[in-house]
Amino acid sequence: MAYRYFIKLAYNGTRYHGWQIQDNALTVQEVITRAVRMMWLKDFKMIGCGRTDTGVHASEFFAHFDLEEEKSREELNGLAHRLNRYLPEDIVIYRIFPVASDLHSRYDAISRTYEYHIHTVKDPFLNYTSWFLHQTLDIDVMNRGGEVIKEYEDFTSFRKQMRKGRPIYAQLPMLIGKRSGICLFSALQQTVSCMIWSGLLLAP
């Protein structure tokens, strides 16, 4: 019998080539996997709730892994503590906890939120978490455009690659707000990110 566990984590993706393991680049999944294997001295594999591109951060990310033996809460808390001491400062493990054996971190996720931060006032503390844009943005016009987008639910045509499979439908609660000179885009579904960026570049 296999026991399944979830890992709740976060990372600053500045120096990583995304989440998923690659042959020729450093990734977050590789760093965590290597750390666990070193502690347990056994093979270890985990599956993330999604993928992120190079340099992209994750404030709340989930992954799952299976073990043949059941681990107590104390053992899981101990593992999280040891991992945080070993992992670099740009990766944190919040929790490791048991779940149903058929719960999948990727396929059972009910929503995903992607935020795009843009600042129009130069700020050295935002260099790795926000895009510095010299032009002035008209937030009202951009929000009106967002309202038009929200009238649609089928975003299949915005896939990066057209593959066979079910169409992509999403309720898109797009929000463009302004906070201390920072513009924040919030949207669901990675496949519509190209549409959001297009809207940004076309904005006056």
N, C-alpha and C. Protein backbone atom coordinates (compact mmCIF):
# COMPACT_ATOMS: atom_id res chain seq x y z
N MET A 1 0.85 -1.20 0.00
CA MET A 1 0.00 0.00 0.00
C MET A 1 0.88 1.25 0.00
N ALA A 2 0.52 2.19 -0.85
CA ALA A 2 1.28 3.43 -0.94
C ALA A 2 0.57 4.53 -0.16
N TYR A 3 1.33 5.32 0.54
CA TYR A 3 0.80 6.45 1.28
C TYR A 3 1.22 7.72 0.56
N ARG A 4 0.26 8.61 0.39
CA ARG A 4 0.54 9.85 -0.36
C ARG A 4 0.61 11.04 0.60
N TYR A 5 1.54 11.96 0.26
CA TYR A 5 1.76 13.15 1.08
C TYR A 5 1.87 14.38 0.19
N PHE A 6 1.35 15.47 0.70
CA PHE A 6 1.46 16.76 0.01
C PHE A 6 2.54 17.60 0.67
N ILE A 7 3.23 18.38 -0.16
CA ILE A 7 4.18 19.39 0.33
C ILE A 7 3.65 20.76 -0.06
N LYS A 8 3.50 21.63 0.90
CA LYS A 8 3.16 23.02 0.62
C LYS A 8 4.43 23.84 0.73
N LEU A 9 4.76 24.56 -0.34
CA LEU A 9 6.03 25.27 -0.39
C LEU A 9 5.91 26.59 -1.12
N ALA A 10 6.98 27.34 -1.12
CA ALA A 10 7.06 28.58 -1.88
C ALA A 10 8.50 28.78 -2.30
N TYR A 11 8.71 29.55 -3.34
CA TYR A 11 10.08 29.81 -3.79
C TYR A 11 10.19 31.10 -4.58
N ASN A 12 11.36 31.67 -4.48
CA ASN A 12 11.75 32.79 -5.33
C ASN A 12 12.47 32.18 -6.54
N GLY A 13 11.90 32.34 -7.70
CA GLY A 13 12.41 31.62 -8.87
C GLY A 13 13.49 32.34 -9.66
N THR A 14 14.06 33.39 -9.09
CA THR A 14 15.02 34.20 -9.84
C THR A 14 16.15 33.38 -10.44
N ARG A 15 16.74 32.49 -9.69
CA ARG A 15 17.91 31.76 -10.19
C ARG A 15 17.58 30.35 -10.70
N TYR A 16 16.30 30.06 -10.85
CA TYR A 16 15.90 28.73 -11.31
C TYR A 16 15.25 28.77 -12.69
N HIS A 17 15.40 27.67 -13.40
CA HIS A 17 14.77 27.53 -14.71
C HIS A 17 13.42 26.83 -14.54
N GLY A 18 12.59 27.42 -13.71
CA GLY A 18 11.26 26.88 -13.49
C GLY A 18 11.23 25.80 -12.42
N TRP A 19 10.09 25.13 -12.34
CA TRP A 19 9.88 24.08 -11.34
C TRP A 19 10.43 22.74 -11.78
N GLN A 20 10.04 22.29 -12.96
CA GLN A 20 10.25 20.90 -13.35
C GLN A 20 11.71 20.59 -13.69
N ILE A 21 12.14 19.39 -13.29
CA ILE A 21 13.51 18.95 -13.52
C ILE A 21 13.86 18.97 -15.00
N GLN A 22 15.04 19.50 -15.32
CA GLN A 22 15.55 19.53 -16.69
C GLN A 22 16.96 18.95 -16.71
N ASP A 23 17.37 18.50 -17.88
CA ASP A 23 18.68 17.86 -18.01
C ASP A 23 19.84 18.84 -17.90
N ASN A 24 19.62 20.08 -18.33
CA ASN A 24 20.75 21.00 -18.46
C ASN A 24 20.55 22.33 -17.73
N ALA A 25 19.69 22.35 -16.72
CA ALA A 25 19.45 23.60 -16.00
C ALA A 25 18.99 23.31 -14.58
N LEU A 26 19.25 24.24 -13.67
CA LEU A 26 18.86 24.08 -12.28
C LEU A 26 17.39 24.44 -12.10
N THR A 27 16.64 23.58 -11.41
CA THR A 27 15.23 23.82 -11.17
C THR A 27 14.90 23.60 -9.69
N VAL A 28 13.73 24.10 -9.28
CA VAL A 28 13.31 23.96 -7.89
C VAL A 28 13.06 22.50 -7.54
N GLN A 29 12.39 21.77 -8.41
CA GLN A 29 12.11 20.36 -8.16
C GLN A 29 13.40 19.57 -7.95
N GLU A 30 14.41 19.86 -8.73
CA GLU A 30 15.69 19.16 -8.60
C GLU A 30 16.33 19.42 -7.24
N VAL A 31 16.31 20.67 -6.78
CA VAL A 31 16.95 21.02 -5.52
C VAL A 31 16.27 20.32 -4.35
N ILE A 32 14.93 20.33 -4.34
CA ILE A 32 14.20 19.67 -3.25
C ILE A 32 14.39 18.16 -3.30
N THR A 33 14.30 17.58 -4.49
CA THR A 33 14.46 16.13 -4.64
C THR A 33 15.82 15.68 -4.15
N ARG A 34 16.84 16.42 -4.50
CA ARG A 34 18.20 16.09 -4.08
C ARG A 34 18.34 16.15 -2.56
N ALA A 35 17.69 17.13 -1.95
CA ALA A 35 17.76 17.27 -0.49
C ALA A 35 17.08 16.10 0.21
N VAL A 36 15.90 15.71 -0.26
CA VAL A 36 15.19 14.60 0.37
C VAL A 36 15.96 13.30 0.20
N ARG A 37 16.50 13.07 -0.98
CA ARG A 37 17.26 11.85 -1.21
C ARG A 37 18.48 11.77 -0.30
N MET A 38 19.09 12.89 -0.04
CA MET A 38 20.25 12.90 0.83
C MET A 38 19.86 12.54 2.27
N MET A 39 18.69 13.00 2.71
CA MET A 39 18.26 12.74 4.08
C MET A 39 17.75 11.31 4.27
N TRP A 40 17.03 10.82 3.26
CA TRP A 40 16.42 9.49 3.40
C TRP A 40 17.26 8.38 2.78
N LEU A 41 18.27 8.74 2.00
CA LEU A 41 19.14 7.77 1.35
C LEU A 41 18.34 6.76 0.53
N LYS A 42 17.34 7.24 -0.17
CA LYS A 42 16.53 6.38 -1.02
C LYS A 42 16.00 7.20 -2.19
N ASP A 43 15.50 6.47 -3.19
CA ASP A 43 14.93 7.13 -4.35
C ASP A 43 13.70 7.94 -3.93
N PHE A 44 13.52 9.09 -4.53
CA PHE A 44 12.41 9.97 -4.16
C PHE A 44 11.95 10.72 -5.39
N LYS A 45 10.66 10.69 -5.65
CA LYS A 45 10.09 11.42 -6.77
C LYS A 45 8.84 12.15 -6.30
N MET A 46 8.62 13.33 -6.85
CA MET A 46 7.42 14.08 -6.52
C MET A 46 6.87 14.76 -7.76
N ILE A 47 5.59 15.08 -7.70
CA ILE A 47 4.88 15.70 -8.82
C ILE A 47 4.31 17.03 -8.36
N GLY A 48 4.59 18.10 -9.10
CA GLY A 48 4.11 19.42 -8.74
C GLY A 48 2.73 19.72 -9.28
N CYS A 49 2.10 20.73 -8.71
CA CYS A 49 0.74 21.10 -9.13
C CYS A 49 0.72 21.82 -10.47
N GLY A 50 1.89 22.16 -10.99
CA GLY A 50 1.96 22.83 -12.28
C GLY A 50 3.41 23.10 -12.62
N ARG A 51 3.60 23.93 -13.63
CA ARG A 51 4.95 24.31 -14.03
C ARG A 51 5.08 25.83 -13.96
N THR A 52 6.29 26.29 -13.75
CA THR A 52 6.55 27.73 -13.84
C THR A 52 7.73 27.94 -14.78
N ASP A 53 7.74 29.09 -15.41
CA ASP A 53 8.80 29.42 -16.35
C ASP A 53 10.04 29.91 -15.59
N THR A 54 11.11 30.08 -16.33
CA THR A 54 12.35 30.58 -15.75
C THR A 54 12.13 31.93 -15.07
N GLY A 55 12.60 32.05 -13.84
CA GLY A 55 12.51 33.31 -13.12
C GLY A 55 11.18 33.61 -12.47
N VAL A 56 10.20 32.72 -12.63
CA VAL A 56 8.87 32.95 -12.06
C VAL A 56 8.84 32.45 -10.62
N HIS A 57 8.16 33.20 -9.75
CA HIS A 57 8.07 32.85 -8.34
C HIS A 57 6.76 32.11 -8.04
N ALA A 58 6.72 31.44 -6.91
CA ALA A 58 5.50 30.78 -6.46
C ALA A 58 5.32 31.06 -4.97
N SER A 59 4.23 31.71 -4.61
CA SER A 59 3.98 32.03 -3.21
C SER A 59 3.23 30.92 -2.49
N GLU A 60 2.56 30.06 -3.24
CA GLU A 60 1.87 28.91 -2.66
C GLU A 60 1.82 27.80 -3.72
N PHE A 61 2.65 26.80 -3.53
CA PHE A 61 2.82 25.74 -4.52
C PHE A 61 2.68 24.40 -3.79
N PHE A 62 2.07 23.42 -4.47
CA PHE A 62 1.89 22.11 -3.86
C PHE A 62 2.51 21.03 -4.75
N ALA A 63 3.04 20.02 -4.11
CA ALA A 63 3.56 18.85 -4.80
C ALA A 63 3.18 17.62 -3.98
N HIS A 64 3.17 16.45 -4.61
CA HIS A 64 2.88 15.24 -3.84
C HIS A 64 3.91 14.16 -4.12
N PHE A 65 4.05 13.25 -3.16
CA PHE A 65 4.95 12.11 -3.32
C PHE A 65 4.35 10.92 -2.59
N ASP A 66 4.78 9.72 -2.94
CA ASP A 66 4.28 8.48 -2.35
C ASP A 66 5.38 7.76 -1.59
N LEU A 67 5.00 7.11 -0.50
CA LEU A 67 5.91 6.28 0.27
C LEU A 67 5.24 4.95 0.56
N GLU A 68 6.03 3.93 0.74
CA GLU A 68 5.49 2.62 1.08
C GLU A 68 5.12 2.52 2.56
N GLU A 69 5.72 3.38 3.38
CA GLU A 69 5.43 3.34 4.80
C GLU A 69 4.70 4.62 5.24
N GLU A 70 3.91 4.48 6.28
CA GLU A 70 3.17 5.63 6.80
C GLU A 70 4.05 6.44 7.73
N LYS A 71 4.00 7.76 7.58
CA LYS A 71 4.79 8.65 8.41
C LYS A 71 3.87 9.39 9.40
N SER A 72 4.34 9.53 10.62
CA SER A 72 3.57 10.25 11.63
C SER A 72 3.68 11.75 11.40
N ARG A 73 2.82 12.50 12.07
CA ARG A 73 2.88 13.96 11.97
C ARG A 73 4.22 14.48 12.46
N GLU A 74 4.74 13.88 13.51
CA GLU A 74 6.04 14.31 14.05
C GLU A 74 7.16 14.07 13.04
N GLU A 75 7.11 12.93 12.37
CA GLU A 75 8.14 12.63 11.36
C GLU A 75 8.05 13.60 10.19
N LEU A 76 6.84 13.94 9.77
CA LEU A 76 6.66 14.87 8.66
C LEU A 76 7.10 16.28 9.05
N ASN A 77 6.76 16.69 10.26
CA ASN A 77 7.20 18.00 10.73
C ASN A 77 8.72 18.05 10.84
N GLY A 78 9.30 16.94 11.28
CA GLY A 78 10.75 16.88 11.38
C GLY A 78 11.42 16.98 10.02
N LEU A 79 10.83 16.32 9.03
CA LEU A 79 11.37 16.39 7.67
C LEU A 79 11.30 17.81 7.14
N ALA A 80 10.16 18.48 7.33
CA ALA A 80 10.02 19.86 6.87
C ALA A 80 11.07 20.76 7.54
N HIS A 81 11.28 20.55 8.83
CA HIS A 81 12.27 21.35 9.57
C HIS A 81 13.68 21.13 9.03
N ARG A 82 14.03 19.87 8.81
CA ARG A 82 15.38 19.57 8.31
C ARG A 82 15.58 20.09 6.89
N LEU A 83 14.53 19.97 6.08
CA LEU A 83 14.63 20.48 4.71
C LEU A 83 14.86 21.99 4.70
N ASN A 84 14.15 22.70 5.54
CA ASN A 84 14.31 24.15 5.58
C ASN A 84 15.70 24.57 6.05
N ARG A 85 16.32 23.74 6.86
CA ARG A 85 17.69 24.05 7.29
C ARG A 85 18.70 23.77 6.17
N TYR A 86 18.36 22.81 5.31
CA TYR A 86 19.29 22.42 4.25
C TYR A 86 19.07 23.20 2.96
N LEU A 87 17.83 23.48 2.63
CA LEU A 87 17.52 24.14 1.37
C LEU A 87 18.03 25.57 1.35
N PRO A 88 18.30 26.12 0.15
CA PRO A 88 18.74 27.52 0.05
C PRO A 88 17.64 28.46 0.51
N GLU A 89 18.02 29.70 0.77
CA GLU A 89 17.09 30.66 1.36
C GLU A 89 15.94 31.05 0.44
N ASP A 90 16.03 30.71 -0.86
CA ASP A 90 14.96 31.08 -1.78
C ASP A 90 13.91 29.99 -1.95
N ILE A 91 13.98 28.93 -1.14
CA ILE A 91 12.96 27.88 -1.14
C ILE A 91 12.55 27.61 0.30
N VAL A 92 11.24 27.55 0.56
CA VAL A 92 10.76 27.26 1.91
C VAL A 92 9.71 26.16 1.84
N ILE A 93 9.75 25.23 2.80
CA ILE A 93 8.74 24.21 2.96
C ILE A 93 7.83 24.63 4.10
N TYR A 94 6.54 24.84 3.83
CA TYR A 94 5.61 25.24 4.87
C TYR A 94 5.06 24.05 5.65
N ARG A 95 4.63 23.04 4.89
CA ARG A 95 4.01 21.88 5.54
C ARG A 95 4.22 20.64 4.69
N ILE A 96 4.25 19.48 5.35
CA ILE A 96 4.16 18.18 4.69
C ILE A 96 3.07 17.42 5.42
N PHE A 97 2.06 16.96 4.70
CA PHE A 97 0.92 16.36 5.38
C PHE A 97 0.32 15.22 4.55
N PRO A 98 -0.31 14.25 5.19
CA PRO A 98 -0.90 13.11 4.48
C PRO A 98 -2.21 13.49 3.80
N VAL A 99 -2.47 12.85 2.66
CA VAL A 99 -3.73 13.05 1.94
C VAL A 99 -4.22 11.69 1.45
N ALA A 100 -5.39 11.67 0.85
CA ALA A 100 -5.92 10.43 0.28
C ALA A 100 -4.98 9.93 -0.81
N SER A 101 -4.90 8.63 -0.95
CA SER A 101 -3.92 8.01 -1.85
C SER A 101 -4.17 8.34 -3.32
N ASP A 102 -5.38 8.79 -3.67
CA ASP A 102 -5.70 9.11 -5.06
C ASP A 102 -5.77 10.61 -5.32
N LEU A 103 -5.39 11.42 -4.34
CA LEU A 103 -5.43 12.88 -4.53
C LEU A 103 -4.17 13.32 -5.27
N HIS A 104 -4.37 14.05 -6.36
CA HIS A 104 -3.26 14.43 -7.25
C HIS A 104 -3.05 15.94 -7.16
N SER A 105 -1.81 16.36 -6.93
CA SER A 105 -1.52 17.78 -6.75
C SER A 105 -1.82 18.60 -8.00
N ARG A 106 -1.70 17.99 -9.16
CA ARG A 106 -1.94 18.73 -10.40
C ARG A 106 -3.38 18.58 -10.89
N TYR A 107 -3.83 17.34 -11.03
CA TYR A 107 -5.13 17.10 -11.66
C TYR A 107 -6.31 17.40 -10.75
N ASP A 108 -6.11 17.43 -9.45
CA ASP A 108 -7.19 17.72 -8.53
C ASP A 108 -7.20 19.16 -8.05
N ALA A 109 -6.31 19.98 -8.59
CA ALA A 109 -6.33 21.41 -8.25
C ALA A 109 -7.60 22.05 -8.80
N ILE A 110 -8.28 22.84 -8.01
CA ILE A 110 -9.54 23.44 -8.46
C ILE A 110 -9.34 24.84 -9.03
N SER A 111 -8.20 25.45 -8.79
CA SER A 111 -7.94 26.77 -9.38
C SER A 111 -6.44 27.05 -9.32
N ARG A 112 -6.03 27.94 -10.20
CA ARG A 112 -4.65 28.43 -10.20
C ARG A 112 -4.70 29.94 -10.45
N THR A 113 -3.92 30.67 -9.73
CA THR A 113 -3.92 32.12 -9.86
C THR A 113 -2.53 32.59 -10.27
N TYR A 114 -2.49 33.44 -11.28
CA TYR A 114 -1.23 33.98 -11.77
C TYR A 114 -1.27 35.51 -11.64
N GLU A 115 -0.28 36.06 -11.03
CA GLU A 115 -0.21 37.51 -10.83
C GLU A 115 0.95 38.08 -11.62
N TYR A 116 0.70 39.23 -12.24
CA TYR A 116 1.72 39.94 -13.01
C TYR A 116 1.89 41.33 -12.40
N HIS A 117 3.03 41.59 -11.84
CA HIS A 117 3.29 42.85 -11.15
C HIS A 117 4.09 43.80 -12.06
N ILE A 118 3.61 45.03 -12.16
CA ILE A 118 4.25 46.04 -12.98
C ILE A 118 4.37 47.32 -12.16
N HIS A 119 5.57 47.89 -12.09
CA HIS A 119 5.71 49.15 -11.37
C HIS A 119 6.21 50.22 -12.33
N THR A 120 5.73 51.43 -12.12
CA THR A 120 6.06 52.54 -13.00
C THR A 120 6.95 53.57 -12.33
N VAL A 121 7.31 53.32 -11.09
CA VAL A 121 8.26 54.17 -10.37
C VAL A 121 9.47 53.30 -10.02
N LYS A 122 10.65 53.73 -10.41
CA LYS A 122 11.84 52.93 -10.20
C LYS A 122 12.02 52.59 -8.72
N ASP A 123 12.22 51.29 -8.46
CA ASP A 123 12.34 50.82 -7.08
C ASP A 123 13.29 49.63 -7.06
N PRO A 124 14.47 49.76 -6.44
CA PRO A 124 15.44 48.67 -6.46
C PRO A 124 14.98 47.42 -5.73
N PHE A 125 13.98 47.54 -4.87
CA PHE A 125 13.50 46.38 -4.11
C PHE A 125 12.48 45.56 -4.89
N LEU A 126 12.11 46.02 -6.06
CA LEU A 126 11.12 45.29 -6.87
C LEU A 126 11.73 44.65 -8.11
N ASN A 127 13.04 44.71 -8.24
CA ASN A 127 13.68 44.28 -9.48
C ASN A 127 13.37 42.84 -9.86
N TYR A 128 13.20 41.95 -8.88
CA TYR A 128 13.00 40.54 -9.18
C TYR A 128 11.57 40.06 -8.97
N THR A 129 10.67 40.98 -8.63
CA THR A 129 9.29 40.58 -8.43
C THR A 129 8.30 41.40 -9.25
N SER A 130 8.79 42.36 -10.00
CA SER A 130 7.91 43.23 -10.76
C SER A 130 8.64 43.74 -12.00
N TRP A 131 7.87 44.06 -13.03
CA TRP A 131 8.43 44.57 -14.28
C TRP A 131 8.35 46.10 -14.27
N PHE A 132 9.49 46.75 -14.46
CA PHE A 132 9.53 48.20 -14.48
C PHE A 132 9.14 48.70 -15.87
N LEU A 133 8.04 49.44 -15.94
CA LEU A 133 7.53 49.98 -17.20
C LEU A 133 7.61 51.50 -17.15
N HIS A 134 8.26 52.08 -18.15
CA HIS A 134 8.45 53.54 -18.15
C HIS A 134 7.17 54.29 -18.50
N GLN A 135 6.32 53.69 -19.33
CA GLN A 135 5.12 54.39 -19.76
C GLN A 135 4.08 54.48 -18.64
N THR A 136 3.22 55.47 -18.79
CA THR A 136 2.11 55.63 -17.85
C THR A 136 0.96 54.74 -18.30
N LEU A 137 0.38 54.01 -17.37
CA LEU A 137 -0.72 53.11 -17.68
C LEU A 137 -2.06 53.74 -17.32
N ASP A 138 -3.04 53.54 -18.19
CA ASP A 138 -4.40 54.00 -17.91
C ASP A 138 -5.16 52.82 -17.32
N ILE A 139 -5.22 52.74 -15.99
CA ILE A 139 -5.81 51.60 -15.31
C ILE A 139 -7.29 51.46 -15.65
N ASP A 140 -8.01 52.57 -15.77
CA ASP A 140 -9.45 52.51 -16.07
C ASP A 140 -9.69 51.87 -17.43
N VAL A 141 -8.91 52.27 -18.43
CA VAL A 141 -9.07 51.70 -19.76
C VAL A 141 -8.73 50.21 -19.75
N MET A 142 -7.70 49.84 -19.03
CA MET A 142 -7.30 48.43 -18.97
C MET A 142 -8.35 47.58 -18.26
N ASN A 143 -8.99 48.13 -17.23
CA ASN A 143 -10.04 47.40 -16.55
C ASN A 143 -11.27 47.25 -17.43
N ARG A 144 -11.55 48.26 -18.25
CA ARG A 144 -12.68 48.12 -19.18
C ARG A 144 -12.41 47.02 -20.19
N GLY A 145 -11.16 46.95 -20.64
CA GLY A 145 -10.79 45.85 -21.53
C GLY A 145 -10.92 44.50 -20.85
N GLY A 146 -10.56 44.47 -19.55
CA GLY A 146 -10.70 43.23 -18.79
C GLY A 146 -12.14 42.79 -18.67
N GLU A 147 -13.06 43.74 -18.57
CA GLU A 147 -14.47 43.39 -18.49
C GLU A 147 -14.95 42.72 -19.78
N VAL A 148 -14.41 43.15 -20.92
CA VAL A 148 -14.77 42.52 -22.20
C VAL A 148 -14.29 41.07 -22.23
N ILE A 149 -13.05 40.86 -21.78
CA ILE A 149 -12.49 39.51 -21.76
C ILE A 149 -13.31 38.59 -20.89
N LYS A 150 -13.84 39.10 -19.79
CA LYS A 150 -14.60 38.28 -18.85
C LYS A 150 -15.92 37.78 -19.44
N GLU A 151 -16.32 38.32 -20.59
CA GLU A 151 -17.54 37.86 -21.24
C GLU A 151 -17.34 36.50 -21.90
N TYR A 152 -16.10 36.06 -22.03
CA TYR A 152 -15.79 34.80 -22.72
C TYR A 152 -15.28 33.77 -21.73
N GLU A 153 -15.50 32.49 -22.07
CA GLU A 153 -15.07 31.41 -21.21
C GLU A 153 -14.17 30.39 -21.91
N ASP A 154 -14.20 30.36 -23.24
CA ASP A 154 -13.40 29.39 -23.98
C ASP A 154 -12.11 30.07 -24.45
N PHE A 155 -10.97 29.65 -23.89
CA PHE A 155 -9.68 30.26 -24.21
C PHE A 155 -8.74 29.28 -24.90
N THR A 156 -9.31 28.28 -25.56
CA THR A 156 -8.49 27.26 -26.20
C THR A 156 -7.52 27.84 -27.22
N SER A 157 -7.95 28.85 -27.96
CA SER A 157 -7.11 29.41 -29.02
C SER A 157 -5.88 30.13 -28.50
N PHE A 158 -5.81 30.33 -27.19
CA PHE A 158 -4.64 31.00 -26.61
C PHE A 158 -3.62 30.02 -26.06
N ARG A 159 -3.78 28.74 -26.35
CA ARG A 159 -2.77 27.77 -25.95
C ARG A 159 -1.44 28.10 -26.62
N LYS A 160 -0.34 27.81 -25.91
CA LYS A 160 0.97 27.99 -26.53
C LYS A 160 1.17 26.99 -27.63
N GLN A 161 0.67 25.76 -27.43
CA GLN A 161 0.75 24.72 -28.44
C GLN A 161 -0.62 24.09 -28.57
N MET A 162 -1.08 23.95 -29.79
CA MET A 162 -2.37 23.33 -30.01
C MET A 162 -2.21 21.82 -29.94
N ARG A 163 -2.80 21.21 -28.93
CA ARG A 163 -2.72 19.78 -28.77
C ARG A 163 -4.12 19.20 -28.69
N LYS A 164 -4.23 17.92 -28.99
CA LYS A 164 -5.51 17.26 -28.87
C LYS A 164 -5.91 17.21 -27.40
N GLY A 165 -7.17 17.35 -27.15
CA GLY A 165 -7.64 17.31 -25.77
C GLY A 165 -8.85 18.21 -25.61
N ARG A 166 -9.34 18.28 -24.40
CA ARG A 166 -10.54 19.06 -24.16
C ARG A 166 -10.23 20.55 -24.25
N PRO A 167 -11.21 21.35 -24.66
CA PRO A 167 -11.02 22.81 -24.71
C PRO A 167 -10.77 23.37 -23.32
N ILE A 168 -10.19 24.56 -23.28
CA ILE A 168 -9.91 25.21 -22.01
C ILE A 168 -11.01 26.22 -21.71
N TYR A 169 -11.73 25.95 -20.63
CA TYR A 169 -12.76 26.86 -20.20
C TYR A 169 -12.37 27.41 -18.83
N ALA A 170 -12.59 28.70 -18.64
CA ALA A 170 -12.21 29.28 -17.35
C ALA A 170 -13.07 30.49 -17.06
N GLN A 171 -13.45 30.61 -15.81
CA GLN A 171 -14.02 31.86 -15.34
C GLN A 171 -12.83 32.76 -15.01
N LEU A 172 -12.77 33.92 -15.62
CA LEU A 172 -11.56 34.74 -15.54
C LEU A 172 -11.82 35.99 -14.70
N PRO A 173 -11.55 35.92 -13.42
CA PRO A 173 -11.73 37.11 -12.58
C PRO A 173 -10.56 38.07 -12.70
N MET A 174 -10.42 38.67 -13.87
CA MET A 174 -9.29 39.57 -14.10
C MET A 174 -9.45 40.84 -13.28
N LEU A 175 -8.38 41.24 -12.66
CA LEU A 175 -8.38 42.46 -11.87
C LEU A 175 -7.11 43.23 -12.15
N ILE A 176 -7.25 44.48 -12.46
CA ILE A 176 -6.09 45.34 -12.62
C ILE A 176 -6.21 46.45 -11.59
N GLY A 177 -5.36 46.42 -10.61
CA GLY A 177 -5.42 47.39 -9.53
C GLY A 177 -4.14 48.16 -9.42
N LYS A 178 -4.14 49.18 -8.63
CA LYS A 178 -2.95 50.00 -8.44
C LYS A 178 -2.71 50.18 -6.95
N ARG A 179 -1.49 49.88 -6.53
CA ARG A 179 -1.15 49.97 -5.13
C ARG A 179 0.27 50.49 -5.00
N SER A 180 0.42 51.70 -4.51
CA SER A 180 1.75 52.30 -4.30
C SER A 180 2.61 52.25 -5.55
N GLY A 181 2.02 52.60 -6.67
CA GLY A 181 2.78 52.64 -7.92
C GLY A 181 2.97 51.29 -8.57
N ILE A 182 2.36 50.23 -8.01
CA ILE A 182 2.48 48.89 -8.58
C ILE A 182 1.15 48.49 -9.19
N CYS A 183 1.17 48.03 -10.43
CA CYS A 183 -0.03 47.51 -11.06
C CYS A 183 -0.03 46.00 -10.90
N LEU A 184 -1.16 45.46 -10.52
CA LEU A 184 -1.26 44.02 -10.27
C LEU A 184 -2.32 43.41 -11.18
N PHE A 185 -1.90 42.45 -11.98
CA PHE A 185 -2.82 41.67 -12.80
C PHE A 185 -3.05 40.34 -12.11
N SER A 186 -4.29 39.95 -11.98
CA SER A 186 -4.58 38.63 -11.41
C SER A 186 -5.50 37.90 -12.35
N ALA A 187 -5.11 36.68 -12.71
CA ALA A 187 -5.91 35.92 -13.67
C ALA A 187 -5.72 34.44 -13.45
N LEU A 188 -6.71 33.67 -13.87
CA LEU A 188 -6.62 32.22 -13.79
C LEU A 188 -6.21 31.66 -15.14
N GLN A 189 -5.56 30.49 -15.09
CA GLN A 189 -5.18 29.71 -16.25
C GLN A 189 -3.96 30.27 -16.97
N GLN A 190 -2.90 29.50 -16.94
CA GLN A 190 -1.64 29.91 -17.56
C GLN A 190 -1.80 30.13 -19.06
N THR A 191 -2.73 29.40 -19.68
CA THR A 191 -2.87 29.47 -21.12
C THR A 191 -3.37 30.82 -21.61
N VAL A 192 -3.89 31.66 -20.73
CA VAL A 192 -4.36 32.97 -21.18
C VAL A 192 -3.37 34.07 -20.84
N SER A 193 -2.20 33.71 -20.35
CA SER A 193 -1.23 34.74 -19.98
C SER A 193 -0.80 35.55 -21.19
N CYS A 194 -0.71 34.91 -22.37
CA CYS A 194 -0.32 35.65 -23.57
C CYS A 194 -1.36 36.70 -23.91
N MET A 195 -2.62 36.41 -23.64
CA MET A 195 -3.67 37.37 -23.91
C MET A 195 -3.55 38.57 -22.97
N ILE A 196 -3.21 38.32 -21.71
CA ILE A 196 -3.07 39.40 -20.75
C ILE A 196 -1.91 40.31 -21.14
N TRP A 197 -0.78 39.71 -21.51
CA TRP A 197 0.37 40.52 -21.92
C TRP A 197 0.07 41.31 -23.18
N SER A 198 -0.69 40.72 -24.11
CA SER A 198 -1.05 41.45 -25.32
C SER A 198 -1.89 42.66 -24.98
N GLY A 199 -2.83 42.48 -24.05
CA GLY A 199 -3.66 43.59 -23.62
C GLY A 199 -2.83 44.68 -22.98
N LEU A 200 -1.82 44.28 -22.23
CA LEU A 200 -0.95 45.26 -21.58
C LEU A 200 -0.18 46.07 -22.62
N LEU A 201 0.39 45.40 -23.61
CA LEU A 201 1.22 46.09 -24.58
C LEU A 201 0.41 47.00 -25.50
N LEU A 202 -0.88 46.71 -25.63
CA LEU A 202 -1.72 47.53 -26.48
C LEU A 202 -2.38 48.69 -25.73
N ALA A 203 -2.23 48.65 -24.42
CA ALA A 203 -2.87 49.70 -23.63
C ALA A 203 -2.18 51.04 -23.87
N PRO A 204 -2.94 52.14 -23.88
CA PRO A 204 -2.33 53.44 -24.11
C PRO A 204 -1.48 53.89 -22.94
